[in-house]
Amino acid sequence: MNQPIQSNARTPNDTVTPDAILQLGFAFWGSKTLLSAVELGLFTLLADGPLTVEAVTARLSLHPRSVRDFLDALVALGQLERKENLYANTAAAAVFLDRRKPTYVGGILEMANARLYPFWGALTEGLRSGAPQNETKEGRDLFDEIYRDPAILSEFLKAMSGLSLGAANAIAGRFPWADYKSFADIGTAQGALPVTLSRAHPHLGGIGFDLPVVRAHFEAYVAQYGLAERLSFRAGDFFADPLPAADVLIMGRILHDWGLDKKRMLIRKAYEALPFGGALIIYDSVIDDERRRNVFGLLMSLNMLIETREGFDFTGADCMAWFKEAGFVETRVEPLVGPDSMVIGIK
């Protein structure tokens, strides 16, 4: 191979290097390595105990050529530990990437691998056209595709649970639930949020509101925790049907799927359904008001370009303004965990 051309020219500032640029440009290498490990069930396999390269190769039916590189890359990425010739899960992987644990967050990573990774290859086209880059390009609708296929729906609902668990635990601890008796989770999916709130606050009764096809998934998930007497499912379409009556209404990762008019409509419907003194909680990867720090929130908004016709993420100031338009007299933003925050409105 030709050797790179050497230059004695100095950069304008000797402290400036391209390292960060190159690391970001090739970040998809590390991302896909993790996603493939989740897809293969590597972390679930290692939950039973450390294994050698040869054992991993045999148990996962891999070709021996690059398994050592694959495992060592995961060590370097901080996702595995290696002692002598044995590979083991890190403490975080043991909790969050073992499919058999209720704390598993790999569902959202499985969806990222199966859906988002290939679609994001067309981001440039999306930026030029302003159009989604998923099934919509073939005349199909994202949500129709998800909800009409039982296997895809099951994986999607599990992914939503994995994505919501951290925020759910933070909401359970940071909102003044002692002042309220009931709640309804709008777009509840499996019911991870209602289960989390009910386990933390035995005085609360809750409703999971979602499309009829979600009922069996919700009821099975709730039954695992013995909460069927305190949590019920209400079937409905949040655009077409009235929202449930409760002291607190919650919308998690709902608003960002839709354009501004539908965002405002959903907030207005929530206001109308709440009693005086009731609260609306909207939680999401809320972008910081200066639009500089919450990288995940900004990238999630680009993901809405890839996946939806009009959706976009928003700042806390944006959301509070929509709340005030609807009539909420008291609003605030509170950080939750990682990139997530909740916007609270009191009627």
Protein backbone atom coordinates (compact mmCIF):
# COMPACT_ATOMS: atom_id res chain seq x y z
CA MET A 1 0.00 0.00 0.00
CA ASN A 2 1.09 3.58 -0.57
CA GLN A 3 2.33 5.33 2.54
CA PRO A 4 0.47 8.50 3.61
CA ILE A 5 2.11 11.73 2.59
CA GLN A 6 4.05 13.27 5.45
CA SER A 7 3.88 17.00 5.99
CA ASN A 8 5.85 19.29 8.23
CA ALA A 9 3.12 21.91 8.05
CA ARG A 10 1.69 22.80 11.45
CA THR A 11 -2.01 23.26 12.09
CA PRO A 12 -3.15 26.78 13.02
CA ASN A 13 -3.56 25.54 16.57
CA ASP A 14 -1.32 22.65 17.60
CA THR A 15 -3.88 21.51 20.18
CA VAL A 16 -6.52 20.83 17.51
CA THR A 17 -6.66 17.24 16.24
CA PRO A 18 -9.19 15.32 14.11
CA ASP A 19 -9.57 12.58 16.75
CA ALA A 20 -13.06 13.55 17.92
CA ILE A 21 -14.25 13.99 14.34
CA LEU A 22 -13.00 10.56 13.33
CA GLN A 23 -14.37 8.87 16.44
CA LEU A 24 -17.81 10.33 15.77
CA GLY A 25 -17.63 9.50 12.07
CA PHE A 26 -16.92 5.85 12.83
CA ALA A 27 -19.16 5.61 15.91
CA PHE A 28 -21.49 3.31 13.98
CA TRP A 29 -18.81 0.59 14.20
CA GLY A 30 -19.14 0.41 17.97
CA SER A 31 -22.91 0.82 17.85
CA LYS A 32 -23.38 -2.07 15.44
CA THR A 33 -21.03 -4.26 17.47
CA LEU A 34 -23.23 -3.78 20.54
CA LEU A 35 -26.45 -4.25 18.54
CA SER A 36 -25.18 -7.50 17.04
CA ALA A 37 -24.18 -8.76 20.49
CA VAL A 38 -27.73 -8.08 21.71
CA GLU A 39 -29.21 -9.74 18.62
CA LEU A 40 -27.08 -12.83 19.17
CA GLY A 41 -28.07 -13.07 22.84
CA LEU A 42 -24.44 -12.84 23.96
CA PHE A 43 -25.20 -11.06 27.25
CA THR A 44 -27.95 -13.51 28.13
CA LEU A 45 -25.55 -16.39 27.44
CA LEU A 46 -22.87 -14.86 29.68
CA ALA A 47 -25.40 -14.29 32.47
CA ASP A 48 -24.90 -17.97 33.32
CA GLY A 49 -21.18 -17.44 33.86
CA PRO A 50 -17.90 -16.47 32.13
CA LEU A 51 -16.93 -18.30 28.95
CA THR A 52 -13.92 -18.71 26.69
CA VAL A 53 -13.79 -17.58 23.06
CA GLU A 54 -14.20 -21.19 21.98
CA ALA A 55 -17.27 -21.70 24.17
CA VAL A 56 -18.94 -18.52 22.91
CA THR A 57 -18.17 -19.53 19.32
CA ALA A 58 -19.80 -22.94 19.78
CA ARG A 59 -22.78 -21.81 21.86
CA LEU A 60 -23.74 -19.00 19.47
CA SER A 61 -22.89 -20.97 16.29
CA LEU A 62 -20.41 -18.33 15.08
CA HIS A 63 -17.58 -18.67 12.58
CA PRO A 64 -14.30 -18.72 14.51
CA ARG A 65 -12.54 -16.15 12.32
CA SER A 66 -13.41 -12.93 14.22
CA VAL A 67 -15.01 -13.93 17.51
CA ARG A 68 -11.98 -12.93 19.58
CA ASP A 69 -11.95 -9.50 17.92
CA PHE A 70 -15.69 -9.20 18.50
CA LEU A 71 -15.42 -10.00 22.21
CA ASP A 72 -12.34 -7.87 22.78
CA ALA A 73 -14.00 -4.96 20.99
CA LEU A 74 -16.86 -5.25 23.47
CA VAL A 75 -14.30 -5.25 26.29
CA ALA A 76 -12.73 -2.07 24.89
CA LEU A 77 -16.20 -0.54 24.52
CA GLY A 78 -16.90 -1.22 28.20
CA GLN A 79 -19.65 -3.77 27.60
CA LEU A 80 -17.78 -6.93 28.65
CA GLU A 81 -15.06 -7.81 31.13
CA ARG A 82 -12.16 -10.20 30.46
CA LYS A 83 -10.09 -12.00 33.09
CA GLU A 84 -7.37 -14.19 31.64
CA ASN A 85 -9.20 -16.10 28.89
CA LEU A 86 -12.73 -15.76 30.23
CA TYR A 87 -15.31 -13.19 29.12
CA ALA A 88 -18.06 -11.99 31.45
CA ASN A 89 -20.81 -9.38 31.58
CA THR A 90 -20.13 -6.03 33.18
CA ALA A 91 -22.36 -5.12 36.12
CA ALA A 92 -24.53 -2.98 33.83
CA ALA A 93 -24.81 -5.65 31.13
CA ALA A 94 -25.81 -8.22 33.74
CA VAL A 95 -28.72 -6.03 34.87
CA PHE A 96 -29.88 -4.46 31.62
CA LEU A 97 -28.93 -6.84 28.78
CA ASP A 98 -30.02 -10.22 30.13
CA ARG A 99 -33.30 -11.02 28.35
CA ARG A 100 -34.53 -13.02 31.32
CA LYS A 101 -34.52 -10.05 33.72
CA PRO A 102 -37.40 -7.57 34.09
CA THR A 103 -34.78 -4.78 33.90
CA TYR A 104 -33.86 -5.77 30.31
CA VAL A 105 -33.57 -2.71 28.06
CA GLY A 106 -32.37 -4.64 25.04
CA GLY A 107 -35.82 -4.57 23.46
CA ILE A 108 -35.28 -1.02 22.27
CA LEU A 109 -31.80 -2.01 21.02
CA GLU A 110 -33.30 -4.94 19.13
CA MET A 111 -35.67 -2.50 17.44
CA ALA A 112 -32.79 -0.14 16.72
CA ASN A 113 -30.91 -2.98 15.10
CA ALA A 114 -33.80 -4.39 13.06
CA ARG A 115 -35.49 -1.13 12.05
CA LEU A 116 -33.55 2.02 12.68
CA TYR A 117 -30.04 1.00 11.70
CA PRO A 118 -30.89 0.33 8.04
CA PHE A 119 -33.31 3.25 7.75
CA TRP A 120 -30.79 5.75 9.12
CA GLY A 121 -28.59 5.02 6.12
CA ALA A 122 -31.02 7.21 4.18
CA LEU A 123 -30.78 10.23 6.51
CA THR A 124 -29.28 12.42 3.79
CA GLU A 125 -32.23 11.69 1.52
CA GLY A 126 -34.59 12.48 4.38
CA LEU A 127 -32.91 15.82 5.01
CA ARG A 128 -33.24 16.70 1.34
CA SER A 129 -36.85 15.58 0.95
CA GLY A 130 -38.31 16.08 4.44
CA ALA A 131 -39.99 12.70 4.00
CA PRO A 132 -39.79 9.53 6.11
CA GLN A 133 -37.28 6.88 5.07
CA ASN A 134 -39.05 3.74 6.32
CA GLU A 135 -42.01 1.73 4.96
CA THR A 136 -43.68 5.01 4.03
CA LYS A 137 -41.46 5.16 0.94
CA GLU A 138 -43.37 2.10 -0.31
CA GLY A 139 -46.78 3.58 0.47
CA ARG A 140 -47.15 1.81 3.84
CA ASP A 141 -47.67 3.38 7.27
CA LEU A 142 -45.31 2.86 10.23
CA PHE A 143 -47.99 2.27 12.84
CA ASP A 144 -50.11 0.11 10.54
CA GLU A 145 -47.05 -2.09 10.00
CA ILE A 146 -46.40 -2.38 13.72
CA TYR A 147 -49.94 -3.00 14.92
CA ARG A 148 -51.10 -5.46 12.25
CA ASP A 149 -48.27 -7.98 12.77
CA PRO A 150 -48.48 -9.72 16.18
CA ALA A 151 -44.75 -10.55 16.29
CA ILE A 152 -43.67 -7.02 15.37
CA LEU A 153 -46.17 -5.54 17.82
CA SER A 154 -44.89 -7.72 20.65
CA GLU A 155 -41.30 -6.65 20.03
CA PHE A 156 -42.31 -3.00 19.72
CA LEU A 157 -44.17 -3.05 23.04
CA LYS A 158 -41.22 -4.72 24.75
CA ALA A 159 -38.96 -2.06 23.26
CA MET A 160 -41.16 0.70 24.66
CA SER A 161 -40.95 -0.91 28.10
CA GLY A 162 -37.17 -1.04 27.94
CA LEU A 163 -36.97 2.58 26.85
CA SER A 164 -39.34 3.76 29.58
CA LEU A 165 -38.19 1.92 32.71
CA GLY A 166 -35.60 4.47 33.80
CA ALA A 167 -37.98 7.40 33.37
CA ALA A 168 -40.80 5.47 35.06
CA ASN A 169 -38.75 4.89 38.19
CA ALA A 170 -37.74 8.56 38.29
CA ILE A 171 -41.36 9.71 37.86
CA ALA A 172 -42.39 7.39 40.69
CA GLY A 173 -39.88 9.07 42.98
CA ARG A 174 -40.04 12.72 41.94
CA PHE A 175 -43.72 13.49 41.41
CA PRO A 176 -45.85 14.18 44.55
CA TRP A 177 -48.03 11.09 44.22
CA ALA A 178 -49.24 11.37 47.82
CA ASP A 179 -51.45 14.24 46.64
CA TYR A 180 -53.27 12.09 44.04
CA LYS A 181 -55.29 8.88 43.99
CA SER A 182 -55.52 7.85 40.33
CA PHE A 183 -53.68 8.07 37.04
CA ALA A 184 -54.07 7.03 33.40
CA ASP A 185 -51.12 6.24 31.14
CA ILE A 186 -52.00 7.29 27.58
CA GLY A 187 -50.37 5.02 25.00
CA THR A 188 -49.42 2.58 27.73
CA ALA A 189 -47.91 -0.26 25.62
CA GLN A 190 -47.17 -3.18 27.98
CA GLY A 191 -47.83 -1.05 31.03
CA ALA A 192 -44.30 -0.62 32.36
CA LEU A 193 -45.09 2.83 33.75
CA PRO A 194 -48.36 1.86 35.50
CA VAL A 195 -46.68 -1.18 37.04
CA THR A 196 -43.75 0.92 38.27
CA LEU A 197 -46.01 3.57 39.81
CA SER A 198 -48.31 1.02 41.44
CA ARG A 199 -45.44 -0.91 42.99
CA ALA A 200 -43.96 2.28 44.41
CA HIS A 201 -47.27 3.76 45.64
CA PRO A 202 -49.80 1.19 46.93
CA HIS A 203 -52.54 3.82 47.30
CA LEU A 204 -52.67 4.54 43.56
CA GLY A 205 -55.15 3.04 41.09
CA GLY A 206 -54.31 3.24 37.41
CA ILE A 207 -55.53 2.81 33.84
CA GLY A 208 -53.53 1.82 30.79
CA PHE A 209 -55.05 3.42 27.67
CA ASP A 210 -54.12 2.08 24.23
CA LEU A 211 -55.52 0.49 21.08
CA PRO A 212 -57.62 -2.68 21.58
CA VAL A 213 -54.93 -4.97 20.14
CA VAL A 214 -52.62 -4.04 23.05
CA ARG A 215 -54.99 -5.32 25.76
CA ALA A 216 -53.64 -8.88 25.99
CA HIS A 217 -50.05 -7.65 26.21
CA PHE A 218 -50.92 -5.16 28.96
CA GLU A 219 -52.92 -7.64 31.01
CA ALA A 220 -50.23 -10.33 30.76
CA TYR A 221 -47.52 -7.89 31.85
CA VAL A 222 -49.60 -6.55 34.76
CA ALA A 223 -50.47 -10.09 35.88
CA GLN A 224 -46.76 -10.92 36.26
CA TYR A 225 -46.63 -8.41 39.11
CA GLY A 226 -49.96 -9.35 40.72
CA LEU A 227 -51.47 -5.92 40.05
CA ALA A 228 -54.59 -6.82 38.07
CA GLU A 229 -56.87 -5.55 40.86
CA ARG A 230 -55.31 -2.09 40.82
CA LEU A 231 -54.51 -1.63 37.13
CA SER A 232 -57.07 -1.90 34.34
CA PHE A 233 -56.91 -1.53 30.57
CA ARG A 234 -59.07 0.93 28.65
CA ALA A 235 -59.22 0.45 24.88
CA GLY A 236 -59.31 3.53 22.70
CA ASP A 237 -57.70 5.80 20.12
CA PHE A 238 -56.37 8.95 21.75
CA PHE A 239 -57.27 11.02 18.69
CA ALA A 240 -60.79 9.68 18.17
CA ASP A 241 -61.95 8.80 21.70
CA PRO A 242 -62.25 10.69 24.99
CA LEU A 243 -59.31 10.26 27.33
CA PRO A 244 -59.91 8.42 30.63
CA ALA A 245 -60.85 10.41 33.71
CA ALA A 246 -58.11 10.39 36.37
CA ASP A 247 -56.30 12.76 38.72
CA VAL A 248 -53.11 12.52 36.64
CA LEU A 249 -52.75 11.84 32.92
CA ILE A 250 -49.39 10.72 31.56
CA MET A 251 -48.09 10.72 28.00
CA GLY A 252 -44.69 9.15 27.50
CA ARG A 253 -42.98 9.30 24.10
CA ILE A 254 -46.28 10.15 22.44
CA LEU A 255 -46.12 13.80 21.41
CA HIS A 256 -42.92 13.48 19.40
CA ASP A 257 -44.63 11.17 16.88
CA TRP A 258 -46.91 13.94 15.65
CA GLY A 259 -46.93 17.40 14.09
CA LEU A 260 -47.65 20.60 15.99
CA ASP A 261 -51.42 20.61 15.48
CA LYS A 262 -51.82 17.10 16.87
CA LYS A 263 -49.46 17.85 19.75
CA ARG A 264 -51.66 20.78 20.74
CA MET A 265 -54.81 18.71 20.26
CA LEU A 266 -53.62 15.96 22.61
CA ILE A 267 -52.62 18.46 25.30
CA ARG A 268 -56.00 20.18 24.96
CA LYS A 269 -57.84 16.84 25.26
CA ALA A 270 -55.86 16.04 28.39
CA TYR A 271 -56.73 19.41 29.91
CA GLU A 272 -60.42 18.85 29.23
CA ALA A 273 -60.34 15.37 30.79
CA LEU A 274 -58.61 16.42 34.01
CA PRO A 275 -60.37 17.61 37.16
CA PHE A 276 -59.51 20.97 38.74
CA GLY A 277 -56.10 20.52 40.38
CA GLY A 278 -55.33 17.51 38.18
CA ALA A 279 -51.96 17.12 36.47
CA LEU A 280 -50.64 16.25 33.03
CA ILE A 281 -47.18 14.70 32.82
CA ILE A 282 -45.44 14.49 29.48
CA TYR A 283 -42.09 12.74 29.52
CA ASP A 284 -39.67 12.32 26.67
CA SER A 285 -36.09 13.09 25.66
CA VAL A 286 -36.92 16.77 26.07
CA ILE A 287 -34.40 18.98 24.29
CA ASP A 288 -32.66 21.61 26.42
CA ASP A 289 -33.95 25.13 25.76
CA GLU A 290 -30.64 26.27 24.26
CA ARG A 291 -30.61 23.21 21.96
CA ARG A 292 -26.94 22.50 22.71
CA ARG A 293 -26.64 19.74 25.32
CA ASN A 294 -29.23 16.98 24.92
CA VAL A 295 -27.63 15.16 22.01
CA PHE A 296 -29.94 12.16 22.35
CA GLY A 297 -33.02 14.39 22.23
CA LEU A 298 -31.82 16.15 19.10
CA LEU A 299 -30.95 12.86 17.41
CA MET A 300 -34.33 11.46 18.45
CA SER A 301 -35.92 14.34 16.60
CA LEU A 302 -33.96 13.32 13.50
CA ASN A 303 -35.27 9.81 14.10
CA MET A 304 -38.78 11.24 13.89
CA LEU A 305 -37.84 12.52 10.44
CA ILE A 306 -36.80 8.98 9.49
CA GLU A 307 -39.89 7.30 10.98
CA THR A 308 -42.85 9.73 10.82
CA ARG A 309 -44.50 12.17 8.43
CA GLU A 310 -44.57 15.20 10.75
CA GLY A 311 -43.10 14.23 14.13
CA PHE A 312 -40.38 16.15 15.95
CA ASP A 313 -39.00 16.45 19.47
CA PHE A 314 -39.25 19.66 21.47
CA THR A 315 -37.79 21.77 24.25
CA GLY A 316 -39.24 22.18 27.71
CA ALA A 317 -40.07 25.80 26.85
CA ASP A 318 -41.96 24.66 23.74
CA CYS A 319 -44.03 22.19 25.73
CA MET A 320 -44.81 24.61 28.55
CA ALA A 321 -46.04 27.14 25.98
CA TRP A 322 -48.43 24.52 24.55
CA PHE A 323 -49.60 23.73 28.08
CA LYS A 324 -50.39 27.39 28.74
CA GLU A 325 -52.25 27.68 25.43
CA ALA A 326 -54.47 24.80 26.59
CA GLY A 327 -55.21 26.51 29.92
CA PHE A 328 -52.74 25.00 32.41
CA VAL A 329 -51.94 27.64 35.02
CA GLU A 330 -48.82 26.05 36.52
CA THR A 331 -46.08 24.39 34.47
CA ARG A 332 -42.57 23.18 35.14
CA VAL A 333 -39.85 20.93 33.71
CA GLU A 334 -38.03 18.40 35.86
CA PRO A 335 -35.09 16.20 34.78
CA LEU A 336 -35.57 12.45 35.15
CA VAL A 337 -32.72 10.18 34.10
CA GLY A 338 -30.23 10.36 31.23
CA PRO A 339 -31.68 12.46 28.39
CA ASP A 340 -35.26 12.29 29.71
CA SER A 341 -37.27 15.00 31.44
CA MET A 342 -40.92 15.45 32.37
CA VAL A 343 -43.04 18.50 31.70
CA ILE A 344 -45.79 18.94 34.30
CA GLY A 345 -48.95 21.01 33.97
CA ILE A 346 -51.49 21.64 36.75
CA LYS A 347 -55.09 22.50 35.86
